[in-house]
């Protein structure tokens, strides 16, 4: 029986509780999920690539269904290189839909790889990596937006915890 393997591509700069929710829900649909941290040459990272990979790997260290990898190629090429038949994407708002649909259609046309979309849970629709980065620039508390189990949470959280 063939393993149902999917990739979840993104920059994850940083990985938020919205991302975590999508991963946890997707794990009910696939046998293996590769959280795929893409290198975007046009978008320098707030956190170094290796720090992002380390934080996400640590978060899922006890879950054999999850792997974390980095890539610097077209997403469908990376998916094919790891034997993934599916791409997971999340949609927070209706504004995300048209963009994601277009990319999914192109990816399916050029590779046959299907995209499945999970809608963000309502309590997470306002959370994005961009918002978290903006809060960090101003030394604001991000504890409501990143997984509390994440080493990144503990290294960047600006709250006074005892």
C-alpha atoms as a PDB file:
ATOM      1  CA  UNK A   1       0.000   0.000   0.000  1.00  0.00           C
ATOM      2  CA  UNK A   2       1.337   3.393  -1.013  1.00  0.00           C
ATOM      3  CA  UNK A   3       2.075   5.931   1.705  1.00  0.00           C
ATOM      4  CA  UNK A   4      -0.058   9.073   1.490  1.00  0.00           C
ATOM      5  CA  UNK A   5       2.637  11.722   1.785  1.00  0.00           C
ATOM      6  CA  UNK A   6       2.031  15.466   1.623  1.00  0.00           C
ATOM      7  CA  UNK A   7       4.196  18.519   1.913  1.00  0.00           C
ATOM      8  CA  UNK A   8       3.188  21.671   3.753  1.00  0.00           C
ATOM      9  CA  UNK A   9       5.256  24.418   2.110  1.00  0.00           C
ATOM     10  CA  UNK A  10       5.880  27.859   3.532  1.00  0.00           C
ATOM     11  CA  UNK A  11       8.531  30.114   4.990  1.00  0.00           C
ATOM     12  CA  UNK A  12       7.181  29.607   8.535  1.00  0.00           C
ATOM     13  CA  UNK A  13       8.909  32.761   9.708  1.00  0.00           C
ATOM     14  CA  UNK A  14       7.834  32.042  12.425  1.00  0.00           C
ATOM     15  CA  UNK A  15       5.709  28.886  12.723  1.00  0.00           C
ATOM     16  CA  UNK A  16       2.422  29.937  14.359  1.00  0.00           C
ATOM     17  CA  UNK A  17      -0.394  28.185  16.193  1.00  0.00           C
ATOM     18  CA  UNK A  18      -2.359  28.534  12.963  1.00  0.00           C
ATOM     19  CA  UNK A  19       0.272  26.440  11.184  1.00  0.00           C
ATOM     20  CA  UNK A  20       0.281  23.977  14.078  1.00  0.00           C
ATOM     21  CA  UNK A  21      -3.493  23.598  13.838  1.00  0.00           C
ATOM     22  CA  UNK A  22      -3.297  22.857  10.105  1.00  0.00           C
ATOM     23  CA  UNK A  23      -0.567  20.257  10.656  1.00  0.00           C
ATOM     24  CA  UNK A  24      -2.509  18.519  13.415  1.00  0.00           C
ATOM     25  CA  UNK A  25      -5.664  18.372  11.298  1.00  0.00           C
ATOM     26  CA  UNK A  26      -3.799  17.232   8.156  1.00  0.00           C
ATOM     27  CA  UNK A  27      -2.227  14.335  10.038  1.00  0.00           C
ATOM     28  CA  UNK A  28      -5.683  12.748  10.150  1.00  0.00           C
ATOM     29  CA  UNK A  29      -5.715  12.743   6.321  1.00  0.00           C
ATOM     30  CA  UNK A  30      -2.204  11.614   5.382  1.00  0.00           C
ATOM     31  CA  UNK A  31       0.324   9.059   6.587  1.00  0.00           C
ATOM     32  CA  UNK A  32       3.267  11.460   6.490  1.00  0.00           C
ATOM     33  CA  UNK A  33       3.545  15.236   6.356  1.00  0.00           C
ATOM     34  CA  UNK A  34       6.739  17.033   5.435  1.00  0.00           C
ATOM     35  CA  UNK A  35       6.777  20.587   6.726  1.00  0.00           C
ATOM     36  CA  UNK A  36       8.743  22.166   3.900  1.00  0.00           C
ATOM     37  CA  UNK A  37      10.524  25.401   4.664  1.00  0.00           C
ATOM     38  CA  UNK A  38      11.081  27.199   1.413  1.00  0.00           C
ATOM     39  CA  UNK A  39      13.824  29.673   0.731  1.00  0.00           C
ATOM     40  CA  UNK A  40      12.348  32.812  -0.799  1.00  0.00           C
ATOM     41  CA  UNK A  41      15.121  34.856  -2.413  1.00  0.00           C
ATOM     42  CA  UNK A  42      12.833  37.921  -2.515  1.00  0.00           C
ATOM     43  CA  UNK A  43      11.934  37.720   1.158  1.00  0.00           C
ATOM     44  CA  UNK A  44      14.817  37.668   3.618  1.00  0.00           C
ATOM     45  CA  UNK A  45      13.901  35.783   6.764  1.00  0.00           C
ATOM     46  CA  UNK A  46      13.319  37.387  10.137  1.00  0.00           C
ATOM     47  CA  UNK A  47      14.660  34.208  11.721  1.00  0.00           C
ATOM     48  CA  UNK A  48      17.539  32.271  10.165  1.00  0.00           C
ATOM     49  CA  UNK A  49      16.427  29.247   8.141  1.00  0.00           C
ATOM     50  CA  UNK A  50      18.217  26.801  10.443  1.00  0.00           C
ATOM     51  CA  UNK A  51      16.556  28.303  13.542  1.00  0.00           C
ATOM     52  CA  UNK A  52      13.132  27.878  11.953  1.00  0.00           C
ATOM     53  CA  UNK A  53      13.932  24.284  11.009  1.00  0.00           C
ATOM     54  CA  UNK A  54      15.253  23.541  14.494  1.00  0.00           C
ATOM     55  CA  UNK A  55      12.185  25.021  16.207  1.00  0.00           C
ATOM     56  CA  UNK A  56       9.687  23.091  14.069  1.00  0.00           C
ATOM     57  CA  UNK A  57      11.692  19.854  14.271  1.00  0.00           C
ATOM     58  CA  UNK A  58      11.792  20.165  18.045  1.00  0.00           C
ATOM     59  CA  UNK A  59       8.053  20.815  18.182  1.00  0.00           C
ATOM     60  CA  UNK A  60       7.316  17.543  16.356  1.00  0.00           C
ATOM     61  CA  UNK A  61      10.251  15.494  17.701  1.00  0.00           C
ATOM     62  CA  UNK A  62       7.911  12.830  19.142  1.00  0.00           C
ATOM     63  CA  UNK A  63       5.689  12.513  16.070  1.00  0.00           C
ATOM     64  CA  UNK A  64       7.047  10.062  13.473  1.00  0.00           C
ATOM     65  CA  UNK A  65       4.411  11.226  10.944  1.00  0.00           C
ATOM     66  CA  UNK A  66       6.091  14.641  10.668  1.00  0.00           C
ATOM     67  CA  UNK A  67       9.379  15.475   9.005  1.00  0.00           C
ATOM     68  CA  UNK A  68      10.866  18.932   8.541  1.00  0.00           C
ATOM     69  CA  UNK A  69      12.947  19.793   5.486  1.00  0.00           C
ATOM     70  CA  UNK A  70      14.165  22.882   3.656  1.00  0.00           C
ATOM     71  CA  UNK A  71      14.136  23.436  -0.080  1.00  0.00           C
ATOM     72  CA  UNK A  72      15.247  25.952  -2.675  1.00  0.00           C
ATOM     73  CA  UNK A  73      13.396  24.901  -5.814  1.00  0.00           C
ATOM     74  CA  UNK A  74       9.903  25.093  -7.263  1.00  0.00           C
ATOM     75  CA  UNK A  75       7.492  23.535  -4.772  1.00  0.00           C
ATOM     76  CA  UNK A  76       6.276  20.825  -7.165  1.00  0.00           C
ATOM     77  CA  UNK A  77       9.873  19.808  -7.900  1.00  0.00           C
ATOM     78  CA  UNK A  78      10.495  19.442  -4.183  1.00  0.00           C
ATOM     79  CA  UNK A  79       7.252  17.475  -3.750  1.00  0.00           C
ATOM     80  CA  UNK A  80       8.266  15.097  -6.532  1.00  0.00           C
ATOM     81  CA  UNK A  81      11.777  14.687  -5.091  1.00  0.00           C
ATOM     82  CA  UNK A  82      10.362  13.450  -1.759  1.00  0.00           C
ATOM     83  CA  UNK A  83       7.605  11.336  -3.311  1.00  0.00           C
ATOM     84  CA  UNK A  84       4.737  13.519  -2.117  1.00  0.00           C
ATOM     85  CA  UNK A  85       1.446  13.240  -3.994  1.00  0.00           C
ATOM     86  CA  UNK A  86      -0.228  16.105  -2.163  1.00  0.00           C
ATOM     87  CA  UNK A  87       0.397  19.703  -1.148  1.00  0.00           C
ATOM     88  CA  UNK A  88      -1.321  21.054   1.950  1.00  0.00           C
ATOM     89  CA  UNK A  89      -2.335  24.704   1.988  1.00  0.00           C
ATOM     90  CA  UNK A  90      -4.313  26.724   4.490  1.00  0.00           C
ATOM     91  CA  UNK A  91      -6.762  29.496   3.772  1.00  0.00           C
ATOM     92  CA  UNK A  92      -7.484  32.136   6.393  1.00  0.00           C
ATOM     93  CA  UNK A  93      -9.785  34.413   4.441  1.00  0.00           C
ATOM     94  CA  UNK A  94     -11.601  34.605   1.141  1.00  0.00           C
ATOM     95  CA  UNK A  95      -8.749  36.795  -0.115  1.00  0.00           C
ATOM     96  CA  UNK A  96      -6.414  33.767   0.044  1.00  0.00           C
ATOM     97  CA  UNK A  97      -8.711  31.595  -2.075  1.00  0.00           C
ATOM     98  CA  UNK A  98      -8.081  32.906  -5.614  1.00  0.00           C
ATOM     99  CA  UNK A  99      -4.312  32.892  -5.177  1.00  0.00           C
ATOM    100  CA  UNK A 100      -4.253  29.365  -3.745  1.00  0.00           C
ATOM    101  CA  UNK A 101      -6.649  28.051  -6.410  1.00  0.00           C
ATOM    102  CA  UNK A 102      -4.492  29.431  -9.216  1.00  0.00           C
ATOM    103  CA  UNK A 103      -1.313  27.935  -7.773  1.00  0.00           C
ATOM    104  CA  UNK A 104      -3.069  24.584  -7.156  1.00  0.00           C
ATOM    105  CA  UNK A 105      -4.321  24.500 -10.759  1.00  0.00           C
ATOM    106  CA  UNK A 106      -0.852  25.245 -12.145  1.00  0.00           C
ATOM    107  CA  UNK A 107       0.814  22.666  -9.883  1.00  0.00           C
ATOM    108  CA  UNK A 108      -1.695  19.967 -10.866  1.00  0.00           C
ATOM    109  CA  UNK A 109      -1.290  20.796 -14.567  1.00  0.00           C
ATOM    110  CA  UNK A 110       2.511  20.634 -14.579  1.00  0.00           C
ATOM    111  CA  UNK A 111       2.987  17.752 -12.148  1.00  0.00           C
ATOM    112  CA  UNK A 112      -0.255  15.932 -11.405  1.00  0.00           C
ATOM    113  CA  UNK A 113       0.226  16.731  -7.714  1.00  0.00           C
ATOM    114  CA  UNK A 114      -3.040  17.584  -5.978  1.00  0.00           C
ATOM    115  CA  UNK A 115      -3.431  20.385  -3.463  1.00  0.00           C
ATOM    116  CA  UNK A 116      -5.783  20.029  -0.564  1.00  0.00           C
ATOM    117  CA  UNK A 117      -6.900  23.033   1.366  1.00  0.00           C
ATOM    118  CA  UNK A 118      -7.874  23.252   4.992  1.00  0.00           C
ATOM    119  CA  UNK A 119      -9.677  26.323   6.177  1.00  0.00           C
ATOM    120  CA  UNK A 120      -8.151  27.978   9.196  1.00  0.00           C
ATOM    121  CA  UNK A 121     -10.138  27.582  12.363  1.00  0.00           C
ATOM    122  CA  UNK A 122     -12.030  30.798  13.154  1.00  0.00           C
ATOM    123  CA  UNK A 123     -10.009  31.534  16.284  1.00  0.00           C
ATOM    124  CA  UNK A 124      -6.805  31.586  14.201  1.00  0.00           C
ATOM    125  CA  UNK A 125      -7.843  33.617  11.142  1.00  0.00           C
ATOM    126  CA  UNK A 126      -6.193  36.785  12.432  1.00  0.00           C
ATOM    127  CA  UNK A 127      -2.830  35.074  12.991  1.00  0.00           C
ATOM    128  CA  UNK A 128      -0.094  35.288  10.396  1.00  0.00           C
ATOM    129  CA  UNK A 129       3.673  35.129  10.475  1.00  0.00           C
ATOM    130  CA  UNK A 130       3.699  38.728   9.195  1.00  0.00           C
ATOM    131  CA  UNK A 131       1.685  39.917  12.194  1.00  0.00           C
ATOM    132  CA  UNK A 132       3.957  38.018  14.596  1.00  0.00           C
ATOM    133  CA  UNK A 133       7.081  39.515  12.993  1.00  0.00           C
ATOM    134  CA  UNK A 134       5.574  42.995  13.292  1.00  0.00           C
ATOM    135  CA  UNK A 135       4.848  42.416  16.986  1.00  0.00           C
ATOM    136  CA  UNK A 136       8.400  41.199  17.524  1.00  0.00           C
ATOM    137  CA  UNK A 137       9.833  44.334  15.913  1.00  0.00           C
ATOM    138  CA  UNK A 138       8.153  46.314  18.677  1.00  0.00           C
ATOM    139  CA  UNK A 139       8.995  43.857  21.478  1.00  0.00           C
ATOM    140  CA  UNK A 140       5.364  42.886  21.969  1.00  0.00           C
ATOM    141  CA  UNK A 141       4.163  39.666  23.576  1.00  0.00           C
ATOM    142  CA  UNK A 142       3.646  36.932  20.980  1.00  0.00           C
ATOM    143  CA  UNK A 143       2.656  34.159  23.366  1.00  0.00           C
ATOM    144  CA  UNK A 144      -0.885  33.981  21.977  1.00  0.00           C
ATOM    145  CA  UNK A 145       0.376  33.344  18.441  1.00  0.00           C
ATOM    146  CA  UNK A 146       3.177  30.744  18.556  1.00  0.00           C
ATOM    147  CA  UNK A 147       3.096  27.204  19.965  1.00  0.00           C
ATOM    148  CA  UNK A 148       3.965  27.296  23.647  1.00  0.00           C
ATOM    149  CA  UNK A 149       5.867  23.999  23.247  1.00  0.00           C
ATOM    150  CA  UNK A 150       8.172  25.565  20.671  1.00  0.00           C
ATOM    151  CA  UNK A 151      11.755  26.398  21.560  1.00  0.00           C
ATOM    152  CA  UNK A 152      11.233  29.537  19.493  1.00  0.00           C
ATOM    153  CA  UNK A 153       8.476  30.592  21.907  1.00  0.00           C
ATOM    154  CA  UNK A 154      10.861  30.307  24.829  1.00  0.00           C
ATOM    155  CA  UNK A 155      13.726  32.125  23.123  1.00  0.00           C
ATOM    156  CA  UNK A 156      11.753  35.063  21.736  1.00  0.00           C
ATOM    157  CA  UNK A 157       8.826  35.503  24.102  1.00  0.00           C
ATOM    158  CA  UNK A 158       9.116  38.875  25.782  1.00  0.00           C
ATOM    159  CA  UNK A 159       6.770  38.187  28.711  1.00  0.00           C
ATOM    160  CA  UNK A 160       7.982  37.739  32.259  1.00  0.00           C
ATOM    161  CA  UNK A 161       7.262  34.131  33.119  1.00  0.00           C
ATOM    162  CA  UNK A 162       8.310  32.543  36.371  1.00  0.00           C
END
